[in-house]
Amino acid sequence: MITELIKKLKPFLMDSDIKVAEKAGKAIHRLQAKAFFERMLGEFPKLSEEKKTKLINELKAVSPKNYLEYINLGLSDENKYVRALTVKQIIEFNDPRMIEKVLPLINDSESIVRKIAYEFLGLFGIEKLAPILNKKLEQENDPDALLSLIDAIGSIGHLDSLDFLIAMLQKETRAGVRGKLVEAIGKLKVGL
């Protein structure tokens, strides 16, 4: 079907109205991308890291059906960069429905994946995530991932995080981490 649509649109590439020609070009490109993504879906596990990351980077051109399939493949890929890039793409789509898919990645063995998963989870201010992230404060040992975790907790702003943040602040010696902790405490939704 896509091939037939492209054939029907090709004559419009030469349309006298430049806007129609541009739109025909964009439509053809989008259709070609959809066809390509559908063909590559079955090949994804066998691809190199470079090809996987290129596909993940181009997810905006994919139909919603394929988008979710690529997200699932990317989140479970053996390569940490593919998993991290997939979460970055989810961040760009700003879709809270992906929380359940990203949440397990806070326990990923790779700090880069955890860092980006924390960034995503902090976007939506969903208070039910606070207890889960609060527990991770004591477990997170990577400095960059820890800063992202603290930011996420502050962005969620749940008052239950206060005791965890204060306890860590009292023990923490690194200035950058202490600053993030103070900043997160300042973001909490505290009443009078």
N, C-alpha and C. Protein backbone atom coordinates (compact mmCIF):
# COMPACT_ATOMS: atom_id res chain seq x y z
N MET A 1 0.82 -1.19 0.00
CA MET A 1 0.00 0.00 0.00
C MET A 1 0.87 1.26 0.00
N ILE A 2 1.94 1.24 0.79
CA ILE A 2 2.81 2.41 0.86
C ILE A 2 3.44 2.68 -0.51
N THR A 3 3.85 1.63 -1.19
CA THR A 3 4.46 1.79 -2.51
C THR A 3 3.48 2.44 -3.48
N GLU A 4 2.23 2.02 -3.41
CA GLU A 4 1.22 2.60 -4.29
C GLU A 4 0.97 4.07 -3.97
N LEU A 5 0.96 4.40 -2.69
CA LEU A 5 0.77 5.81 -2.29
C LEU A 5 1.92 6.67 -2.79
N ILE A 6 3.12 6.16 -2.66
CA ILE A 6 4.30 6.91 -3.13
C ILE A 6 4.20 7.15 -4.63
N LYS A 7 3.81 6.13 -5.39
CA LYS A 7 3.66 6.29 -6.84
C LYS A 7 2.64 7.37 -7.18
N LYS A 8 1.57 7.42 -6.41
CA LYS A 8 0.52 8.41 -6.67
C LYS A 8 0.97 9.82 -6.29
N LEU A 9 1.86 9.93 -5.32
CA LEU A 9 2.32 11.25 -4.87
C LEU A 9 3.47 11.80 -5.71
N LYS A 10 4.25 10.93 -6.32
CA LYS A 10 5.44 11.37 -7.07
C LYS A 10 5.16 12.46 -8.10
N PRO A 11 4.09 12.40 -8.88
CA PRO A 11 3.84 13.47 -9.85
C PRO A 11 3.71 14.86 -9.20
N PHE A 12 3.29 14.88 -7.93
CA PHE A 12 3.11 16.16 -7.24
C PHE A 12 4.44 16.79 -6.82
N LEU A 13 5.53 16.04 -6.94
CA LEU A 13 6.85 16.60 -6.66
C LEU A 13 7.20 17.70 -7.67
N MET A 14 6.60 17.63 -8.83
CA MET A 14 6.87 18.59 -9.91
C MET A 14 5.72 19.60 -10.05
N ASP A 15 4.88 19.69 -9.05
CA ASP A 15 3.72 20.60 -9.12
C ASP A 15 4.19 22.05 -9.27
N SER A 16 3.41 22.83 -9.98
CA SER A 16 3.76 24.24 -10.18
C SER A 16 3.66 25.04 -8.87
N ASP A 17 2.84 24.58 -7.97
CA ASP A 17 2.74 25.23 -6.65
C ASP A 17 3.85 24.64 -5.77
N ILE A 18 4.82 25.47 -5.42
CA ILE A 18 6.00 25.00 -4.66
C ILE A 18 5.61 24.37 -3.32
N LYS A 19 4.56 24.91 -2.69
CA LYS A 19 4.13 24.36 -1.39
C LYS A 19 3.59 22.94 -1.55
N VAL A 20 2.85 22.70 -2.62
CA VAL A 20 2.33 21.36 -2.88
C VAL A 20 3.49 20.40 -3.14
N ALA A 21 4.49 20.85 -3.91
CA ALA A 21 5.65 20.02 -4.20
C ALA A 21 6.43 19.69 -2.92
N GLU A 22 6.61 20.69 -2.05
CA GLU A 22 7.31 20.45 -0.77
C GLU A 22 6.54 19.47 0.10
N LYS A 23 5.22 19.65 0.17
CA LYS A 23 4.41 18.75 1.00
C LYS A 23 4.41 17.33 0.43
N ALA A 24 4.42 17.21 -0.88
CA ALA A 24 4.49 15.89 -1.50
C ALA A 24 5.82 15.22 -1.14
N GLY A 25 6.91 15.99 -1.18
CA GLY A 25 8.23 15.46 -0.80
C GLY A 25 8.26 14.99 0.64
N LYS A 26 7.68 15.77 1.53
CA LYS A 26 7.64 15.39 2.94
C LYS A 26 6.78 14.15 3.15
N ALA A 27 5.65 14.10 2.46
CA ALA A 27 4.75 12.94 2.60
C ALA A 27 5.44 11.67 2.10
N ILE A 28 6.13 11.77 0.97
CA ILE A 28 6.84 10.62 0.42
C ILE A 28 7.94 10.17 1.38
N HIS A 29 8.68 11.14 1.91
CA HIS A 29 9.73 10.80 2.87
C HIS A 29 9.15 10.08 4.09
N ARG A 30 8.05 10.58 4.61
CA ARG A 30 7.41 9.97 5.78
C ARG A 30 6.95 8.54 5.45
N LEU A 31 6.36 8.36 4.28
CA LEU A 31 5.91 7.03 3.89
C LEU A 31 7.08 6.07 3.71
N GLN A 32 8.15 6.55 3.11
CA GLN A 32 9.34 5.71 2.95
C GLN A 32 9.92 5.32 4.31
N ALA A 33 9.92 6.26 5.24
CA ALA A 33 10.43 5.98 6.58
C ALA A 33 9.57 4.92 7.27
N LYS A 34 8.25 5.05 7.13
CA LYS A 34 7.37 4.04 7.74
C LYS A 34 7.65 2.66 7.16
N ALA A 35 7.78 2.59 5.86
CA ALA A 35 8.05 1.30 5.22
C ALA A 35 9.39 0.74 5.70
N PHE A 36 10.39 1.60 5.80
CA PHE A 36 11.71 1.17 6.25
C PHE A 36 11.64 0.64 7.68
N PHE A 37 10.96 1.38 8.57
CA PHE A 37 10.87 0.95 9.95
C PHE A 37 10.12 -0.36 10.09
N GLU A 38 9.10 -0.55 9.31
CA GLU A 38 8.37 -1.82 9.36
C GLU A 38 9.26 -2.98 8.93
N ARG A 39 10.07 -2.76 7.89
CA ARG A 39 10.99 -3.81 7.42
C ARG A 39 12.07 -4.11 8.45
N MET A 40 12.57 -3.08 9.11
CA MET A 40 13.70 -3.24 10.03
C MET A 40 13.30 -3.80 11.39
N LEU A 41 12.04 -3.77 11.73
CA LEU A 41 11.59 -4.21 13.04
C LEU A 41 12.04 -5.63 13.36
N GLY A 42 11.89 -6.53 12.43
CA GLY A 42 12.30 -7.91 12.65
C GLY A 42 13.81 -8.09 12.70
N GLU A 43 14.54 -7.14 12.14
CA GLU A 43 16.00 -7.22 12.09
C GLU A 43 16.67 -6.56 13.31
N PHE A 44 15.91 -5.80 14.09
CA PHE A 44 16.48 -4.97 15.15
C PHE A 44 17.46 -5.71 16.07
N PRO A 45 17.10 -6.85 16.61
CA PRO A 45 18.03 -7.53 17.52
C PRO A 45 19.39 -7.87 16.90
N LYS A 46 19.43 -8.03 15.59
CA LYS A 46 20.67 -8.42 14.92
C LYS A 46 21.53 -7.23 14.50
N LEU A 47 21.00 -6.03 14.60
CA LEU A 47 21.71 -4.85 14.11
C LEU A 47 22.85 -4.44 15.03
N SER A 48 23.78 -3.67 14.49
CA SER A 48 24.87 -3.13 15.30
C SER A 48 24.34 -2.00 16.18
N GLU A 49 25.13 -1.63 17.18
CA GLU A 49 24.74 -0.52 18.06
C GLU A 49 24.49 0.74 17.23
N GLU A 50 25.35 1.02 16.27
CA GLU A 50 25.22 2.22 15.46
C GLU A 50 23.88 2.24 14.71
N LYS A 51 23.52 1.13 14.10
CA LYS A 51 22.26 1.09 13.35
C LYS A 51 21.05 1.16 14.27
N LYS A 52 21.16 0.51 15.43
CA LYS A 52 20.06 0.58 16.40
C LYS A 52 19.85 2.02 16.87
N THR A 53 20.94 2.70 17.18
CA THR A 53 20.79 4.09 17.67
C THR A 53 20.26 5.01 16.58
N LYS A 54 20.64 4.77 15.33
CA LYS A 54 20.09 5.58 14.23
C LYS A 54 18.58 5.37 14.12
N LEU A 55 18.15 4.13 14.22
CA LEU A 55 16.72 3.84 14.16
C LEU A 55 15.97 4.49 15.32
N ILE A 56 16.51 4.36 16.52
CA ILE A 56 15.87 4.94 17.70
C ILE A 56 15.80 6.46 17.55
N ASN A 57 16.85 7.08 17.01
CA ASN A 57 16.86 8.53 16.83
C ASN A 57 15.79 9.00 15.85
N GLU A 58 15.38 8.14 14.96
CA GLU A 58 14.40 8.52 13.94
C GLU A 58 12.98 8.08 14.28
N LEU A 59 12.72 7.78 15.53
CA LEU A 59 11.41 7.26 15.90
C LEU A 59 10.25 8.19 15.57
N LYS A 60 10.50 9.47 15.48
CA LYS A 60 9.40 10.40 15.19
C LYS A 60 8.77 10.14 13.83
N ALA A 61 9.48 9.49 12.95
CA ALA A 61 8.96 9.21 11.61
C ALA A 61 8.14 7.92 11.57
N VAL A 62 8.05 7.23 12.68
CA VAL A 62 7.42 5.92 12.71
C VAL A 62 5.96 6.02 13.07
N SER A 63 5.19 5.10 12.57
CA SER A 63 3.78 5.03 12.95
C SER A 63 3.70 4.64 14.43
N PRO A 64 2.61 5.02 15.11
CA PRO A 64 2.49 4.69 16.55
C PRO A 64 2.66 3.20 16.84
N LYS A 65 2.17 2.35 15.99
CA LYS A 65 2.30 0.91 16.20
C LYS A 65 3.78 0.52 16.27
N ASN A 66 4.53 0.95 15.30
CA ASN A 66 5.95 0.62 15.27
C ASN A 66 6.72 1.34 16.36
N TYR A 67 6.31 2.53 16.69
CA TYR A 67 6.97 3.30 17.75
C TYR A 67 7.03 2.47 19.02
N LEU A 68 5.91 1.93 19.44
CA LEU A 68 5.87 1.14 20.68
C LEU A 68 6.71 -0.13 20.57
N GLU A 69 6.70 -0.74 19.41
CA GLU A 69 7.51 -1.94 19.24
C GLU A 69 9.00 -1.62 19.33
N TYR A 70 9.41 -0.51 18.72
CA TYR A 70 10.82 -0.10 18.80
C TYR A 70 11.19 0.31 20.23
N ILE A 71 10.29 0.97 20.91
CA ILE A 71 10.55 1.36 22.31
C ILE A 71 10.78 0.10 23.14
N ASN A 72 9.93 -0.89 23.00
CA ASN A 72 10.09 -2.13 23.75
C ASN A 72 11.41 -2.81 23.43
N LEU A 73 11.76 -2.85 22.16
CA LEU A 73 13.04 -3.46 21.77
C LEU A 73 14.21 -2.65 22.32
N GLY A 74 14.14 -1.33 22.20
CA GLY A 74 15.24 -0.48 22.67
C GLY A 74 15.44 -0.54 24.17
N LEU A 75 14.34 -0.57 24.92
CA LEU A 75 14.45 -0.60 26.39
C LEU A 75 15.02 -1.92 26.90
N SER A 76 14.84 -2.97 26.14
CA SER A 76 15.35 -4.28 26.59
C SER A 76 16.63 -4.70 25.87
N ASP A 77 17.20 -3.80 25.07
CA ASP A 77 18.40 -4.15 24.32
C ASP A 77 19.57 -4.40 25.27
N GLU A 78 20.49 -5.25 24.85
CA GLU A 78 21.66 -5.58 25.68
C GLU A 78 22.66 -4.42 25.77
N ASN A 79 22.60 -3.49 24.82
CA ASN A 79 23.56 -2.38 24.78
C ASN A 79 23.05 -1.21 25.62
N LYS A 80 23.87 -0.75 26.57
CA LYS A 80 23.46 0.33 27.47
C LYS A 80 23.15 1.62 26.72
N TYR A 81 23.88 1.90 25.65
CA TYR A 81 23.65 3.14 24.90
C TYR A 81 22.32 3.10 24.16
N VAL A 82 21.95 1.94 23.69
CA VAL A 82 20.65 1.80 23.02
C VAL A 82 19.53 2.00 24.03
N ARG A 83 19.67 1.40 25.22
CA ARG A 83 18.65 1.57 26.27
C ARG A 83 18.55 3.04 26.67
N ALA A 84 19.70 3.68 26.88
CA ALA A 84 19.70 5.09 27.30
C ALA A 84 19.11 5.99 26.22
N LEU A 85 19.48 5.77 24.98
CA LEU A 85 18.96 6.58 23.89
C LEU A 85 17.45 6.38 23.73
N THR A 86 16.99 5.18 23.96
CA THR A 86 15.55 4.92 23.88
C THR A 86 14.81 5.75 24.93
N VAL A 87 15.34 5.82 26.14
CA VAL A 87 14.70 6.64 27.17
C VAL A 87 14.76 8.12 26.78
N LYS A 88 15.87 8.56 26.20
CA LYS A 88 15.97 9.95 25.71
C LYS A 88 14.87 10.24 24.70
N GLN A 89 14.60 9.31 23.80
CA GLN A 89 13.54 9.50 22.82
C GLN A 89 12.18 9.57 23.50
N ILE A 90 11.99 8.75 24.52
CA ILE A 90 10.73 8.78 25.27
C ILE A 90 10.58 10.16 25.94
N ILE A 91 11.68 10.71 26.44
CA ILE A 91 11.64 12.04 27.04
C ILE A 91 11.19 13.06 26.00
N GLU A 92 11.70 12.97 24.78
CA GLU A 92 11.30 13.90 23.72
C GLU A 92 9.82 13.79 23.41
N PHE A 93 9.27 12.58 23.49
CA PHE A 93 7.85 12.40 23.22
C PHE A 93 7.01 12.85 24.41
N ASN A 94 7.64 13.00 25.59
CA ASN A 94 6.97 13.52 26.78
C ASN A 94 5.66 12.78 27.06
N ASP A 95 5.73 11.47 27.07
CA ASP A 95 4.55 10.63 27.19
C ASP A 95 4.53 9.92 28.54
N PRO A 96 3.67 10.36 29.47
CA PRO A 96 3.63 9.73 30.79
C PRO A 96 3.17 8.27 30.76
N ARG A 97 2.57 7.85 29.66
CA ARG A 97 2.16 6.44 29.56
C ARG A 97 3.36 5.51 29.54
N MET A 98 4.54 6.05 29.33
CA MET A 98 5.75 5.23 29.25
C MET A 98 6.38 5.00 30.63
N ILE A 99 5.82 5.59 31.67
CA ILE A 99 6.41 5.47 33.01
C ILE A 99 6.60 4.01 33.41
N GLU A 100 5.59 3.20 33.20
CA GLU A 100 5.68 1.78 33.59
C GLU A 100 6.78 1.05 32.82
N LYS A 101 7.07 1.49 31.61
CA LYS A 101 8.12 0.85 30.82
C LYS A 101 9.51 1.31 31.26
N VAL A 102 9.61 2.55 31.71
CA VAL A 102 10.91 3.11 32.09
C VAL A 102 11.26 2.79 33.55
N LEU A 103 10.26 2.69 34.40
CA LEU A 103 10.49 2.49 35.83
C LEU A 103 11.46 1.35 36.16
N PRO A 104 11.39 0.20 35.52
CA PRO A 104 12.36 -0.87 35.84
C PRO A 104 13.82 -0.48 35.58
N LEU A 105 14.04 0.51 34.73
CA LEU A 105 15.41 0.89 34.39
C LEU A 105 16.12 1.64 35.52
N ILE A 106 15.41 2.02 36.58
CA ILE A 106 16.11 2.63 37.71
C ILE A 106 16.96 1.59 38.44
N ASN A 107 16.77 0.33 38.10
CA ASN A 107 17.58 -0.76 38.67
C ASN A 107 18.56 -1.33 37.65
N ASP A 108 18.73 -0.64 36.53
CA ASP A 108 19.64 -1.09 35.48
C ASP A 108 21.07 -1.14 36.04
N SER A 109 21.86 -2.05 35.53
CA SER A 109 23.24 -2.18 36.00
C SER A 109 24.12 -1.03 35.51
N GLU A 110 23.69 -0.31 34.48
CA GLU A 110 24.48 0.78 33.91
C GLU A 110 23.98 2.13 34.41
N SER A 111 24.90 2.92 34.93
CA SER A 111 24.54 4.21 35.52
C SER A 111 23.97 5.19 34.50
N ILE A 112 24.43 5.15 33.26
CA ILE A 112 23.92 6.07 32.24
C ILE A 112 22.43 5.82 32.00
N VAL A 113 22.02 4.57 32.05
CA VAL A 113 20.62 4.23 31.85
C VAL A 113 19.80 4.70 33.05
N ARG A 114 20.30 4.45 34.26
CA ARG A 114 19.58 4.90 35.46
C ARG A 114 19.44 6.41 35.47
N LYS A 115 20.51 7.12 35.11
CA LYS A 115 20.49 8.58 35.11
C LYS A 115 19.37 9.12 34.23
N ILE A 116 19.25 8.59 33.03
CA ILE A 116 18.24 9.09 32.10
C ILE A 116 16.85 8.62 32.52
N ALA A 117 16.75 7.45 33.11
CA ALA A 117 15.46 6.98 33.62
C ALA A 117 14.97 7.90 34.73
N TYR A 118 15.88 8.33 35.63
CA TYR A 118 15.48 9.28 36.68
C TYR A 118 15.00 10.59 36.07
N GLU A 119 15.72 11.08 35.06
CA GLU A 119 15.32 12.32 34.39
C GLU A 119 13.90 12.21 33.87
N PHE A 120 13.60 11.10 33.22
CA PHE A 120 12.25 10.90 32.68
C PHE A 120 11.21 10.87 33.79
N LEU A 121 11.46 10.11 34.84
CA LEU A 121 10.47 9.95 35.91
C LEU A 121 10.20 11.25 36.65
N GLY A 122 11.16 12.16 36.66
CA GLY A 122 10.96 13.44 37.33
C GLY A 122 10.15 14.44 36.52
N LEU A 123 9.86 14.12 35.27
CA LEU A 123 9.16 15.07 34.40
C LEU A 123 7.71 15.32 34.77
N PHE A 124 7.06 14.36 35.38
CA PHE A 124 5.61 14.42 35.47
C PHE A 124 5.05 14.73 36.86
N GLY A 125 5.88 14.80 37.88
CA GLY A 125 5.40 15.14 39.22
C GLY A 125 4.41 14.13 39.79
N ILE A 126 4.57 12.88 39.46
CA ILE A 126 3.64 11.85 39.92
C ILE A 126 4.10 11.38 41.30
N GLU A 127 3.30 11.71 42.29
CA GLU A 127 3.69 11.48 43.69
C GLU A 127 3.88 10.02 44.05
N LYS A 128 3.20 9.10 43.38
CA LYS A 128 3.36 7.68 43.73
C LYS A 128 4.78 7.18 43.42
N LEU A 129 5.54 7.94 42.63
CA LEU A 129 6.92 7.56 42.34
C LEU A 129 7.88 7.95 43.47
N ALA A 130 7.47 8.90 44.30
CA ALA A 130 8.36 9.40 45.35
C ALA A 130 8.89 8.30 46.26
N PRO A 131 8.06 7.42 46.82
CA PRO A 131 8.61 6.38 47.70
C PRO A 131 9.62 5.47 47.01
N ILE A 132 9.39 5.18 45.75
CA ILE A 132 10.31 4.32 44.99
C ILE A 132 11.65 5.02 44.81
N LEU A 133 11.60 6.30 44.43
CA LEU A 133 12.84 7.05 44.21
C LEU A 133 13.55 7.37 45.53
N ASN A 134 12.78 7.60 46.59
CA ASN A 134 13.39 7.88 47.90
C ASN A 134 14.30 6.72 48.33
N LYS A 135 13.84 5.49 48.12
CA LYS A 135 14.64 4.32 48.48
C LYS A 135 15.93 4.25 47.68
N LYS A 136 15.87 4.73 46.44
CA LYS A 136 17.05 4.69 45.58
C LYS A 136 18.14 5.66 46.05
N LEU A 137 17.79 6.67 46.83
CA LEU A 137 18.78 7.63 47.32
C LEU A 137 19.92 6.94 48.06
N GLU A 138 19.58 5.97 48.88
CA GLU A 138 20.60 5.26 49.66
C GLU A 138 21.39 4.26 48.81
N GLN A 139 20.83 3.86 47.67
CA GLN A 139 21.45 2.81 46.85
C GLN A 139 22.29 3.36 45.70
N GLU A 140 21.95 4.54 45.21
CA GLU A 140 22.61 5.06 44.01
C GLU A 140 24.05 5.45 44.33
N ASN A 141 25.01 4.83 43.62
CA ASN A 141 26.42 5.09 43.90
C ASN A 141 27.13 5.86 42.79
N ASP A 142 26.46 6.12 41.68
CA ASP A 142 27.08 6.90 40.60
C ASP A 142 26.75 8.38 40.80
N PRO A 143 27.76 9.25 40.82
CA PRO A 143 27.52 10.67 41.10
C PRO A 143 26.57 11.35 40.11
N ASP A 144 26.71 11.10 38.82
CA ASP A 144 25.81 11.73 37.83
C ASP A 144 24.39 11.22 37.95
N ALA A 145 24.25 9.91 38.12
CA ALA A 145 22.92 9.33 38.28
C ALA A 145 22.28 9.84 39.58
N LEU A 146 23.09 9.99 40.63
CA LEU A 146 22.57 10.49 41.90
C LEU A 146 22.02 11.91 41.74
N LEU A 147 22.74 12.75 41.02
CA LEU A 147 22.25 14.12 40.81
C LEU A 147 20.92 14.13 40.05
N SER A 148 20.79 13.26 39.06
CA SER A 148 19.52 13.15 38.31
C SER A 148 18.40 12.64 39.22
N LEU A 149 18.73 11.70 40.08
CA LEU A 149 17.76 11.17 41.02
C LEU A 149 17.27 12.26 41.96
N ILE A 150 18.19 13.03 42.50
CA ILE A 150 17.82 14.11 43.42
C ILE A 150 16.95 15.15 42.70
N ASP A 151 17.31 15.48 41.46
CA ASP A 151 16.49 16.40 40.66
C ASP A 151 15.08 15.86 40.48
N ALA A 152 14.98 14.57 40.17
CA ALA A 152 13.67 13.95 39.95
C ALA A 152 12.82 14.01 41.22
N ILE A 153 13.44 13.71 42.35
CA ILE A 153 12.72 13.75 43.63
C ILE A 153 12.25 15.17 43.91
N GLY A 154 13.11 16.15 43.66
CA GLY A 154 12.72 17.55 43.86
C GLY A 154 11.59 17.95 42.92
N SER A 155 11.66 17.52 41.68
CA SER A 155 10.62 17.86 40.70
C SER A 155 9.27 17.24 41.07
N ILE A 156 9.30 16.04 41.59
CA ILE A 156 8.06 15.41 42.05
C ILE A 156 7.52 16.19 43.24
N GLY A 157 8.40 16.58 44.14
CA GLY A 157 8.05 17.48 45.22
C GLY A 157 7.22 16.92 46.35
N HIS A 158 7.14 15.62 46.48
CA HIS A 158 6.31 15.01 47.52
C HIS A 158 6.94 15.20 48.90
N LEU A 159 6.15 15.59 49.86
CA LEU A 159 6.63 15.87 51.21
C LEU A 159 7.27 14.66 51.88
N ASP A 160 6.87 13.46 51.50
CA ASP A 160 7.47 12.25 52.08
C ASP A 160 8.97 12.15 51.78
N SER A 161 9.44 12.89 50.80
CA SER A 161 10.86 12.85 50.43
C SER A 161 11.72 13.66 51.39
N LEU A 162 11.11 14.53 52.18
CA LEU A 162 11.87 15.44 53.04
C LEU A 162 12.84 14.70 53.96
N ASP A 163 12.36 13.71 54.70
CA ASP A 163 13.23 13.00 55.64
C ASP A 163 14.41 12.33 54.94
N PHE A 164 14.17 11.76 53.76
CA PHE A 164 15.23 11.10 53.01
C PHE A 164 16.29 12.12 52.55
N LEU A 165 15.80 13.26 52.05
CA LEU A 165 16.72 14.30 51.57
C LEU A 165 17.53 14.91 52.72
N ILE A 166 16.87 15.16 53.85
CA ILE A 166 17.56 15.72 55.02
C ILE A 166 18.61 14.74 55.54
N ALA A 167 18.23 13.47 55.65
CA ALA A 167 19.17 12.45 56.14
C ALA A 167 20.41 12.38 55.25
N MET A 168 20.21 12.44 53.96
CA MET A 168 21.35 12.38 53.04
C MET A 168 22.17 13.66 53.14
N LEU A 169 21.52 14.79 53.27
CA LEU A 169 22.21 16.07 53.38
C LEU A 169 23.13 16.09 54.61
N GLN A 170 22.67 15.51 55.69
CA GLN A 170 23.46 15.49 56.92
C GLN A 170 24.71 14.61 56.80
N LYS A 171 24.67 13.60 55.93
CA LYS A 171 25.81 12.70 55.76
C LYS A 171 26.73 13.10 54.60
N GLU A 172 26.18 13.79 53.62
CA GLU A 172 26.89 14.07 52.37
C GLU A 172 28.00 15.10 52.55
N THR A 173 29.14 14.84 51.90
CA THR A 173 30.28 15.77 51.99
C THR A 173 30.58 16.47 50.66
N ARG A 174 30.11 15.92 49.54
CA ARG A 174 30.40 16.53 48.23
C ARG A 174 29.52 17.77 48.04
N ALA A 175 30.17 18.88 47.72
CA ALA A 175 29.46 20.16 47.60
C ALA A 175 28.38 20.13 46.52
N GLY A 176 28.67 19.54 45.37
CA GLY A 176 27.69 19.49 44.29
C GLY A 176 26.44 18.72 44.67
N VAL A 177 26.64 17.63 45.36
CA VAL A 177 25.51 16.81 45.79
C VAL A 177 24.73 17.54 46.88
N ARG A 178 25.46 18.16 47.81
CA ARG A 178 24.79 18.92 48.88
C ARG A 178 23.94 20.04 48.29
N GLY A 179 24.47 20.72 47.28
CA GLY A 179 23.71 21.79 46.63
C GLY A 179 22.43 21.28 45.98
N LYS A 180 22.53 20.13 45.32
CA LYS A 180 21.34 19.53 44.69
C LYS A 180 20.32 19.12 45.75
N LEU A 181 20.79 18.58 46.85
CA LEU A 181 19.88 18.19 47.93
C LEU A 181 19.13 19.40 48.47
N VAL A 182 19.84 20.48 48.71
CA VAL A 182 19.20 21.71 49.22
C VAL A 182 18.19 22.23 48.19
N GLU A 183 18.57 22.20 46.92
CA GLU A 183 17.67 22.65 45.86
C GLU A 183 16.40 21.78 45.82
N ALA A 184 16.56 20.47 45.95
CA ALA A 184 15.41 19.56 45.94
C ALA A 184 14.50 19.81 47.13
N ILE A 185 15.09 20.04 48.29
CA ILE A 185 14.29 20.33 49.48
C ILE A 185 13.47 21.59 49.26
N GLY A 186 14.06 22.58 48.62
CA GLY A 186 13.36 23.82 48.34
C GLY A 186 12.20 23.65 47.37
N LYS A 187 12.19 22.60 46.58
CA LYS A 187 11.11 22.36 45.62
C LYS A 187 9.93 21.58 46.20
N LEU A 188 10.12 20.99 47.39
CA LEU A 188 9.07 20.15 47.96
C LEU A 188 7.81 20.97 48.24
N LYS A 189 6.69 20.31 48.08
CA LYS A 189 5.39 20.95 48.32
C LYS A 189 5.10 20.90 49.82
N VAL A 190 5.56 21.93 50.51
CA VAL A 190 5.44 22.01 51.96
C VAL A 190 4.39 23.05 52.31
N GLY A 191 3.45 22.68 53.19
CA GLY A 191 2.42 23.62 53.62
C GLY A 191 2.82 24.33 54.90
N LEU A 192 2.07 25.37 55.24
CA LEU A 192 2.36 26.13 56.47
C LEU A 192 1.80 25.45 57.69
